[in-house]
Protein backbone atom coordinates (compact mmCIF):
# COMPACT_ATOMS: atom_id res chain seq x y z
CA MET A 1 -16.95 -30.72 7.76
CA PRO A 2 -15.25 -28.86 4.92
CA GLU A 3 -14.09 -25.27 5.26
CA ILE A 4 -16.38 -22.51 4.05
CA ASP A 5 -14.75 -20.03 1.68
CA ILE A 6 -15.75 -16.44 1.07
CA PHE A 7 -18.40 -17.41 -1.50
CA GLY A 8 -20.06 -19.79 0.94
CA ILE A 9 -19.92 -17.11 3.63
CA MET A 10 -21.67 -14.64 1.32
CA LYS A 11 -24.48 -17.17 0.85
CA THR A 12 -25.16 -16.97 4.59
CA LEU A 13 -24.28 -13.35 5.46
CA LYS A 14 -25.70 -10.30 3.73
CA HIS A 15 -22.57 -8.25 4.47
CA ARG A 16 -20.38 -7.19 1.55
CA TYR A 17 -17.08 -5.36 1.14
CA PRO A 18 -15.99 -3.21 2.87
CA PHE A 19 -18.10 -4.50 5.76
CA LEU A 20 -17.62 -8.24 5.30
CA MET A 21 -15.29 -9.04 8.21
CA VAL A 22 -14.74 -12.79 7.86
CA ASP A 23 -12.64 -14.45 5.14
CA ARG A 24 -13.01 -18.16 5.90
CA ILE A 25 -14.66 -20.61 8.27
CA THR A 26 -12.15 -23.33 9.12
CA GLU A 27 -14.17 -25.52 11.52
CA TYR A 28 -17.79 -25.84 12.60
CA ASP A 29 -20.30 -28.25 14.07
CA ASP A 30 -23.82 -27.78 15.45
CA MET A 31 -22.77 -25.42 18.24
CA HIS A 32 -19.17 -24.23 17.55
CA VAL A 33 -17.40 -22.34 14.79
CA THR A 34 -13.90 -21.09 14.04
CA GLY A 35 -13.27 -18.48 11.38
CA TYR A 36 -10.82 -15.75 10.57
CA LYS A 37 -10.21 -12.38 8.99
CA ASN A 38 -6.85 -11.48 7.53
CA VAL A 39 -6.19 -7.93 8.66
CA THR A 40 -4.30 -6.04 5.95
CA TYR A 41 -2.74 -2.59 5.89
CA ASN A 42 -5.00 -1.52 3.03
CA GLU A 43 -8.18 -1.75 5.16
CA PRO A 44 -9.95 1.61 4.76
CA PHE A 45 -10.16 2.24 8.52
CA PHE A 46 -6.37 2.25 8.95
CA GLN A 47 -6.13 5.61 7.14
CA GLY A 48 -7.54 7.36 10.18
CA HIS A 49 -7.20 4.83 13.04
CA PHE A 50 -4.46 5.80 13.74
CA PRO A 51 -1.96 7.43 11.35
CA GLY A 52 1.49 6.15 12.24
CA ASP A 53 0.05 3.60 14.69
CA PRO A 54 -2.52 1.52 12.74
CA THR A 55 -4.91 -0.24 15.12
CA MET A 56 -8.11 -2.09 14.18
CA PRO A 57 -11.07 -0.35 15.85
CA GLY A 58 -12.58 -2.40 18.66
CA VAL A 59 -16.05 -2.07 17.20
CA LEU A 60 -14.82 -3.79 14.01
CA ILE A 61 -13.16 -6.57 16.00
CA VAL A 62 -16.54 -7.17 17.66
CA GLU A 63 -18.24 -7.00 14.25
CA SER A 64 -15.89 -9.66 12.90
CA MET A 65 -16.61 -11.88 15.91
CA GLY A 66 -20.35 -11.41 15.46
CA GLN A 67 -20.18 -12.25 11.77
CA VAL A 68 -18.33 -15.51 12.46
CA ALA A 69 -21.00 -16.45 15.02
CA SER A 70 -23.74 -15.46 12.55
CA VAL A 71 -22.40 -17.85 9.93
CA LEU A 72 -22.84 -20.69 12.42
CA LEU A 73 -26.35 -19.53 13.31
CA GLY A 74 -27.24 -19.37 9.62
CA ILE A 75 -25.96 -22.89 9.06
CA LYS A 76 -27.76 -24.22 12.12
CA LEU A 77 -31.08 -22.65 11.18
CA GLY A 78 -30.73 -23.30 7.46
CA ILE A 79 -30.67 -19.62 6.56
CA GLU A 80 -28.92 -19.11 3.25
CA GLN A 81 -29.52 -15.52 2.24
CA GLY A 82 -33.22 -16.21 1.92
CA ASN A 83 -35.64 -13.81 3.48
CA LYS A 84 -34.21 -14.11 7.01
CA ILE A 85 -31.38 -12.26 8.71
CA ALA A 86 -29.84 -12.29 12.20
CA PHE A 87 -29.91 -8.80 13.75
CA LEU A 88 -27.72 -7.97 16.72
CA THR A 89 -29.90 -7.00 19.68
CA GLY A 90 -27.34 -6.84 22.46
CA MET A 91 -23.82 -7.50 23.69
CA ASP A 92 -22.58 -8.38 27.14
CA LYS A 93 -19.19 -8.86 28.75
CA VAL A 94 -17.31 -7.17 25.90
CA ARG A 95 -13.60 -6.95 26.68
CA PHE A 96 -10.58 -5.92 24.63
CA ARG A 97 -7.25 -7.40 25.69
CA LYS A 98 -4.68 -6.50 23.01
CA PRO A 99 -4.55 -4.37 19.86
CA VAL A 100 -5.03 -5.88 16.40
CA ARG A 101 -2.60 -4.59 13.77
CA PRO A 102 -2.04 -4.91 10.03
CA GLY A 103 -0.68 -8.35 9.18
CA ASP A 104 -2.55 -10.07 12.00
CA LYS A 105 -4.82 -13.04 11.43
CA LEU A 106 -7.87 -12.39 13.62
CA VAL A 107 -9.22 -15.84 14.54
CA THR A 108 -12.64 -16.07 16.18
CA LYS A 109 -13.96 -19.08 18.07
CA ALA A 110 -17.66 -18.88 18.88
CA GLU A 111 -20.26 -21.14 20.40
CA LEU A 112 -24.02 -20.92 20.42
CA THR A 113 -25.21 -21.05 24.02
CA ASN A 114 -28.96 -20.79 23.41
CA VAL A 115 -30.96 -21.12 20.19
CA ARG A 116 -34.69 -20.62 19.81
CA SER A 117 -36.83 -20.37 16.72
CA ASN A 118 -36.33 -16.60 16.42
CA SER A 119 -33.40 -15.73 18.68
CA ALA A 120 -29.97 -16.90 19.78
CA LYS A 121 -27.12 -16.23 22.19
CA ALA A 122 -23.45 -16.82 21.43
CA LYS A 123 -20.11 -16.45 23.21
CA ALA A 124 -17.05 -15.54 21.17
CA LYS A 125 -13.33 -15.01 21.67
CA ALA A 126 -10.96 -13.47 19.15
CA TYR A 127 -7.30 -14.45 19.00
CA VAL A 128 -4.09 -13.30 17.34
CA ASP A 129 -1.26 -15.84 17.55
CA ASP A 130 -3.22 -17.88 20.14
CA GLU A 131 -3.55 -14.88 22.48
CA VAL A 132 -7.02 -13.58 23.33
CA VAL A 133 -7.47 -10.06 21.94
CA ALA A 134 -11.22 -9.68 22.58
CA GLU A 135 -14.27 -11.50 23.88
CA ALA A 136 -18.01 -10.89 23.98
CA GLU A 137 -21.45 -12.43 24.32
CA PHE A 138 -23.95 -11.68 21.56
CA LEU A 139 -27.75 -11.63 21.52
CA THR A 140 -29.51 -11.84 18.15
CA ILE A 141 -32.99 -12.05 16.77
CA ILE A 142 -33.94 -13.70 13.49
CA ALA A 143 -36.18 -11.48 11.37
CA ASP A 144 -37.49 -11.10 7.85
CA THR A 145 -35.39 -8.95 5.55
CA LEU A 146 -36.76 -5.99 3.68
CA SER A 147 -34.73 -6.55 0.53
CA LYS A 148 -33.97 -9.33 -1.90
CA PRO A 149 -30.76 -11.29 -1.33
CA GLN A 150 -27.75 -10.15 -3.34
CA GLU A 151 -25.99 -12.84 -5.37
CA ALA A 152 -22.41 -13.70 -4.48
CA GLU A 153 -20.03 -12.76 -7.29
CA ASN A 154 -17.72 -15.51 -8.53
């Protein structure tokens, strides 16, 4: 299947800058996805985390992983910014292995392990240079949104 660029991602996810944490989906099928975020020095969180030793906050690494998995869930369920959204309801087995720094390419590989009509489970691992930097299991529920979808800007 072809790669999904940022505009395709914004058709599936409601997140927008500065909270959109995935730049491209490079591979996907019915149950697996690979995507990445280019981590740059001008990310707003690096101003305070940490001055002189910029490190991507773990919670944002997990957010990036969850967003990659959510793109796959959206594709699988046919959710394209309509009136549905995947809300995170839980995380298990979250582990951080190595820091993520400016200049890193944070690659996430995720798989759906259980999908129902209104919920899903996924496992994800994040890598930098083929080394695992984080891993987690996500629980989500599919719900109606309260707002109209925002159009992706071209």
